[in-house]
Amino acid sequence: MVLLSPNSHLSKSLIIATCLISYTCGNIPESDDEDNEPETKKERTVEPTVYNASYGNDSSQQIADYYYPTTIEVDKTTHVIILIHGGAWSGGQKSDMEICVPFLREAFPSFLIVNMDYRLGTWSSPGYPKQIKDVQNLITFIRNRIVGSRPASNNATELKFTLLGGSAGAHLALLYSYKYNTAGHVKVVVDVVGPVDFTDPAYTLNPVYNYIAFPLVGPRLFILNPKPYFASSPSHRLREKLRKEEIPYKIVMFDGGHFYDWSEEDKQKLKDETVLFLKKHFK
């Protein structure tokens, strides 16, 4: 399923993709250097302008790759797309989202694209809320360096964000946007196969899903401690709330599992739907 839409009072948009089967001061670093090179670099179709730039104290996980705009200087951009990988809150890496960079860069050459890693969750150090804080820290980091680098006369120019996540990353994108985006910087959300309600019986009555959620909420069963499950759910009935608030959105359903086993036609359709929605709502 893919769902897209803007929030009424925060002026944001959302796209969700879900399967039928389940459910300091100064600028951003100006160029790459040896210190930013990853130890093992896989072949990429688009090379980042900057590798592994730190946005927090954990230099091994709070890092991101930056793909600068191709048509304007980075400090003049007004739109940023942040990519958030999945991995059940306990695994995955930003390289998983590199597949999104080529089509987004081609469609939006004046946008800054940022592909983030975040602190992974464990039973003893759950992903919630630290992963939400990582999203906030990265947004703040980018704003401080782009907006902060502009002449005072241009500081009023708004810097707009889209969060695009897959699976657990899609959950984080939704949760941040609809619960923690109090300043309204995030305007659009793209959710690809991300869960939205951990209090649904499909999760709470399935012990397998309870264990999968432990890296997010800690070793707590819903039946014994439901509070963290409610707190970490973006919405209990998302589509109904979007309709009630008259927030534009779009849902696209796909056969298959977690994107990687989709047909090439469906993968292309997801890319096309994302570009169309961003062109309409991320202006």
Protein backbone atom coordinates (compact mmCIF):
# COMPACT_ATOMS: atom_id res chain seq x y z
CA MET A 1 0.00 0.00 0.00
CA VAL A 2 1.17 3.51 -0.70
CA LEU A 3 -0.47 6.44 1.05
CA LEU A 4 0.14 10.13 0.26
CA SER A 5 -1.34 13.33 1.78
CA PRO A 6 -0.86 16.90 3.37
CA ASN A 7 -1.78 17.57 7.02
CA SER A 8 -4.37 20.32 7.46
CA HIS A 9 -2.83 22.27 10.31
CA LEU A 10 0.83 21.48 9.56
CA SER A 11 0.49 21.67 5.77
CA LYS A 12 2.15 18.37 5.14
CA SER A 13 1.43 15.60 2.71
CA LEU A 14 1.54 11.88 3.05
CA ILE A 15 2.02 8.90 0.77
CA ILE A 16 1.93 5.42 2.19
CA ALA A 17 2.86 2.29 0.28
CA THR A 18 1.78 -0.96 1.82
CA CYS A 19 1.53 -4.47 0.46
CA LEU A 20 -1.64 -6.53 0.25
CA ILE A 21 0.19 -9.41 1.83
CA SER A 22 0.94 -7.88 5.23
CA TYR A 23 0.96 -5.90 6.99
CA THR A 24 27.43 24.04 14.94
CA CYS A 25 27.26 26.99 12.65
CA GLY A 26 28.49 26.97 9.07
CA ASN A 27 27.41 25.08 6.01
CA ILE A 28 26.72 21.47 5.34
CA PRO A 29 30.06 19.86 4.39
CA GLU A 30 31.05 21.25 1.02
CA SER A 31 32.78 18.21 -0.43
CA ASP A 32 33.77 14.65 0.24
CA ASP A 33 37.14 13.80 1.80
CA GLU A 34 39.00 10.73 3.00
CA ASP A 35 37.71 11.05 6.56
CA ASN A 36 34.15 10.73 5.29
CA GLU A 37 34.81 7.67 3.13
CA PRO A 38 33.06 4.53 4.38
CA GLU A 39 35.35 1.56 5.03
CA THR A 40 33.51 -0.56 2.49
CA LYS A 41 31.79 1.29 -0.33
CA LYS A 42 29.42 -0.69 -2.53
CA GLU A 43 28.88 0.31 -6.12
CA ARG A 44 26.31 3.09 -6.46
CA THR A 45 24.40 4.41 -9.43
CA VAL A 46 24.68 7.95 -7.96
CA GLU A 47 27.63 8.94 -5.79
CA PRO A 48 26.86 11.08 -2.72
CA THR A 49 28.47 14.50 -2.58
CA VAL A 50 29.32 13.80 1.07
CA TYR A 51 29.61 10.42 2.79
CA ASN A 52 28.88 9.66 6.43
CA ALA A 53 28.57 13.22 7.72
CA SER A 54 27.79 13.08 11.44
CA TYR A 55 24.70 14.83 12.81
CA GLY A 56 25.02 13.58 16.40
CA ASN A 57 27.40 12.27 19.04
CA ASP A 58 27.30 8.68 17.83
CA SER A 59 29.63 8.88 14.82
CA SER A 60 29.01 5.27 13.88
CA GLN A 61 25.21 5.48 13.58
CA GLN A 62 24.12 9.14 13.58
CA ILE A 63 25.48 9.74 10.08
CA ALA A 64 24.05 10.62 6.68
CA ASP A 65 25.00 10.84 3.01
CA TYR A 66 24.21 14.06 1.14
CA TYR A 67 23.32 14.32 -2.54
CA TYR A 68 23.58 17.99 -3.43
CA PRO A 69 21.27 19.66 -5.97
CA THR A 70 22.57 19.63 -9.52
CA THR A 71 20.97 22.88 -10.71
CA ILE A 72 21.53 25.28 -7.79
CA GLU A 73 23.94 25.79 -4.89
CA VAL A 74 23.04 23.68 -1.86
CA ASP A 75 22.62 26.73 0.39
CA LYS A 76 19.97 28.04 -2.00
CA THR A 77 17.77 24.95 -1.96
CA THR A 78 14.34 25.16 -0.37
CA HIS A 79 13.41 21.47 -0.48
CA VAL A 80 14.97 18.47 1.26
CA ILE A 81 14.07 14.79 0.95
CA ILE A 82 15.25 12.58 3.83
CA LEU A 83 15.42 8.82 3.23
CA ILE A 84 14.89 6.52 6.24
CA HIS A 85 15.79 2.84 5.94
CA GLY A 86 13.95 -0.11 7.46
CA GLY A 87 15.20 -3.18 9.30
CA ALA A 88 12.70 -3.83 12.12
CA TRP A 89 14.21 -0.91 14.13
CA SER A 90 17.20 -3.12 15.00
CA GLY A 91 18.96 -3.50 11.65
CA GLY A 92 19.26 -2.16 8.13
CA GLN A 93 21.45 0.63 6.81
CA LYS A 94 21.18 3.71 4.65
CA SER A 95 22.58 1.89 1.64
CA ASP A 96 19.25 0.05 1.51
CA MET A 97 17.63 3.31 0.37
CA GLU A 98 20.13 4.19 -2.37
CA ILE A 99 17.70 2.71 -4.89
CA CYS A 100 15.53 5.80 -4.37
CA VAL A 101 18.21 8.38 -5.17
CA PRO A 102 18.42 8.17 -9.00
CA PHE A 103 14.73 8.67 -9.77
CA LEU A 104 14.32 11.37 -7.11
CA ARG A 105 17.39 13.28 -8.30
CA GLU A 106 16.26 13.08 -11.91
CA ALA A 107 12.77 14.34 -11.08
CA PHE A 108 13.88 17.00 -8.55
CA PRO A 109 17.38 18.26 -9.48
CA SER A 110 17.07 21.36 -7.28
CA PHE A 111 16.35 19.34 -4.12
CA LEU A 112 18.84 18.21 -1.48
CA ILE A 113 18.54 14.46 -0.86
CA VAL A 114 19.79 13.11 2.47
CA ASN A 115 20.08 9.39 3.20
CA MET A 116 20.31 8.77 6.95
CA ASP A 117 21.42 6.12 9.38
CA TYR A 118 20.05 6.23 12.92
CA ARG A 119 20.72 4.55 16.25
CA LEU A 120 19.48 0.99 16.09
CA GLY A 121 17.24 -0.42 18.77
CA THR A 122 17.90 -3.30 21.14
CA TRP A 123 15.88 -4.82 23.95
CA SER A 124 17.96 -2.91 26.50
CA SER A 125 18.05 0.32 24.45
CA PRO A 126 14.79 0.45 22.46
CA GLY A 127 14.47 2.44 19.26
CA TYR A 128 11.62 4.52 20.63
CA PRO A 129 12.02 7.37 21.30
CA LYS A 130 15.71 7.71 20.38
CA GLN A 131 15.13 7.08 16.66
CA ILE A 132 12.51 9.84 16.57
CA LYS A 133 15.06 12.11 18.24
CA ASP A 134 17.54 11.19 15.51
CA VAL A 135 15.11 12.34 12.82
CA GLN A 136 14.64 15.61 14.71
CA ASN A 137 18.40 16.04 15.19
CA LEU A 138 19.04 15.59 11.48
CA ILE A 139 16.33 18.08 10.49
CA THR A 140 17.76 20.59 12.98
CA PHE A 141 21.30 19.95 11.72
CA ILE A 142 20.29 20.59 8.10
CA ARG A 143 18.27 23.69 8.95
CA ASN A 144 21.10 25.18 11.03
CA ARG A 145 23.55 24.79 8.18
CA ILE A 146 21.39 25.84 5.26
CA VAL A 147 19.14 28.50 6.79
CA GLY A 148 21.93 29.57 9.16
CA SER A 149 24.33 30.12 6.26
CA ARG A 150 22.03 32.47 4.36
CA PRO A 151 22.15 36.25 4.57
CA ALA A 152 19.78 37.58 7.19
CA SER A 153 17.53 38.96 4.45
CA ASN A 154 16.97 35.41 3.13
CA ASN A 155 16.48 33.59 6.43
CA ALA A 156 12.73 33.88 6.11
CA THR A 157 12.81 31.48 3.15
CA GLU A 158 11.25 28.29 4.39
CA LEU A 159 13.12 25.01 4.18
CA LYS A 160 10.63 22.23 3.49
CA PHE A 161 11.13 18.54 4.14
CA THR A 162 9.78 15.27 2.82
CA LEU A 163 10.37 12.08 4.81
CA LEU A 164 10.49 8.93 2.70
CA GLY A 165 10.80 5.67 4.60
CA GLY A 166 10.60 1.97 4.00
CA SER A 167 9.11 -0.53 6.46
CA ALA A 168 10.35 0.45 9.96
CA GLY A 169 11.74 3.64 8.42
CA ALA A 170 8.27 4.39 7.05
CA HIS A 171 6.84 3.94 10.54
CA LEU A 172 9.39 6.44 11.90
CA ALA A 173 8.57 8.89 9.10
CA LEU A 174 4.85 8.73 9.89
CA LEU A 175 5.27 8.84 13.66
CA TYR A 176 7.58 11.85 13.51
CA SER A 177 5.41 13.73 11.02
CA TYR A 178 2.08 13.27 12.75
CA LYS A 179 3.15 13.42 16.40
CA TYR A 180 6.46 15.29 16.70
CA ASN A 181 6.51 17.69 13.74
CA THR A 182 5.31 20.57 15.91
CA ALA A 183 7.21 23.22 13.92
CA GLY A 184 5.66 21.98 10.69
CA HIS A 185 8.91 21.63 8.75
CA VAL A 186 7.88 18.25 7.31
CA LYS A 187 5.37 18.76 4.52
CA VAL A 188 5.17 15.34 2.87
CA VAL A 189 5.51 11.75 4.01
CA VAL A 190 6.08 8.73 1.79
CA ASP A 191 5.42 5.46 3.60
CA VAL A 192 6.46 2.26 1.83
CA VAL A 193 5.19 -0.88 3.61
CA GLY A 194 5.29 0.77 7.04
CA PRO A 195 3.10 -0.25 10.01
CA VAL A 196 0.79 2.37 11.49
CA ASP A 197 -1.01 0.75 14.43
CA PHE A 198 0.74 -1.61 16.84
CA THR A 199 -2.47 -1.89 18.89
CA ASP A 200 -4.28 -3.70 16.08
CA PRO A 201 -5.15 -7.33 17.01
CA ALA A 202 -3.16 -8.50 13.97
CA TYR A 203 -0.10 -7.42 15.97
CA THR A 204 -1.19 -7.76 19.60
CA LEU A 205 -2.53 -11.31 19.21
CA ASN A 206 0.49 -12.53 17.26
CA PRO A 207 3.47 -13.34 19.54
CA VAL A 208 5.85 -13.17 16.58
CA TYR A 209 4.98 -9.50 16.00
CA ASN A 210 5.35 -8.79 19.72
CA TYR A 211 8.96 -10.01 19.61
CA ILE A 212 9.63 -8.06 16.41
CA ALA A 213 8.50 -4.90 18.22
CA PHE A 214 10.84 -5.43 21.19
CA PRO A 215 13.76 -3.51 19.55
CA LEU A 216 11.34 -0.59 19.24
CA VAL A 217 9.53 -0.60 22.61
CA GLY A 218 11.71 -2.91 24.71
CA PRO A 219 10.84 -6.41 26.05
CA ARG A 220 7.25 -5.54 26.89
CA LEU A 221 4.24 -7.59 25.84
CA PHE A 222 1.24 -5.54 24.75
CA ILE A 223 -1.10 -7.45 27.04
CA LEU A 224 1.03 -6.54 30.08
CA ASN A 225 2.21 -3.05 29.11
CA PRO A 226 0.26 -1.50 26.22
CA LYS A 227 1.38 2.10 26.85
CA PRO A 228 4.55 2.07 24.68
CA TYR A 229 2.62 0.42 21.85
CA PHE A 230 0.05 3.23 21.84
CA ALA A 231 2.78 5.88 22.18
CA SER A 232 4.75 4.55 19.20
CA SER A 233 1.79 4.16 16.83
CA PRO A 234 1.41 7.01 14.29
CA SER A 235 -2.36 6.60 14.32
CA HIS A 236 -4.92 4.08 15.37
CA ARG A 237 -7.05 4.53 12.26
CA LEU A 238 -4.96 6.62 9.92
CA ARG A 239 -7.08 6.65 6.80
CA GLU A 240 -10.24 7.58 8.72
CA LYS A 241 -8.43 10.45 10.44
CA LEU A 242 -7.03 11.74 7.16
CA ARG A 243 -10.51 11.77 5.68
CA LYS A 244 -12.00 13.48 8.73
CA GLU A 245 -9.36 16.23 8.65
CA GLU A 246 -9.75 16.55 4.86
CA ILE A 247 -6.07 15.86 4.34
CA PRO A 248 -5.23 14.86 0.76
CA TYR A 249 -3.69 11.42 0.54
CA LYS A 250 -3.31 8.52 -1.83
CA ILE A 251 -3.12 4.80 -1.17
CA VAL A 252 -1.72 2.41 -3.75
CA MET A 253 -1.90 -1.34 -3.16
CA PHE A 254 0.68 -3.80 -4.46
CA ASP A 255 0.87 -7.58 -4.50
CA GLY A 256 3.94 -9.02 -2.82
CA GLY A 257 5.96 -8.57 0.32
CA HIS A 258 8.53 -5.92 1.24
CA PHE A 259 9.18 -4.28 -2.17
CA TYR A 260 12.13 -6.48 -3.08
CA ASP A 261 9.87 -9.24 -4.41
CA TRP A 262 7.57 -6.87 -6.30
CA SER A 263 7.39 -7.02 -10.07
CA GLU A 264 9.48 -4.51 -12.01
CA GLU A 265 6.24 -2.93 -13.20
CA ASP A 266 5.07 -2.37 -9.61
CA LYS A 267 8.45 -0.98 -8.56
CA GLN A 268 8.29 1.52 -11.41
CA LYS A 269 4.70 2.38 -10.51
CA LEU A 270 5.74 3.18 -6.95
CA LYS A 271 8.45 5.53 -8.26
CA ASP A 272 6.01 7.18 -10.69
CA GLU A 273 3.31 7.63 -8.03
CA THR A 274 5.83 9.15 -5.62
CA VAL A 275 7.12 11.65 -8.19
CA LEU A 276 3.60 12.65 -9.23
CA PHE A 277 2.50 13.23 -5.66
CA LEU A 278 5.61 15.22 -4.76
CA LYS A 279 5.23 17.39 -7.84
CA LYS A 280 1.67 18.20 -6.80
CA HIS A 281 2.08 18.66 -3.03
CA PHE A 282 5.76 19.39 -2.32
CA LYS A 283 6.07 22.87 -3.81
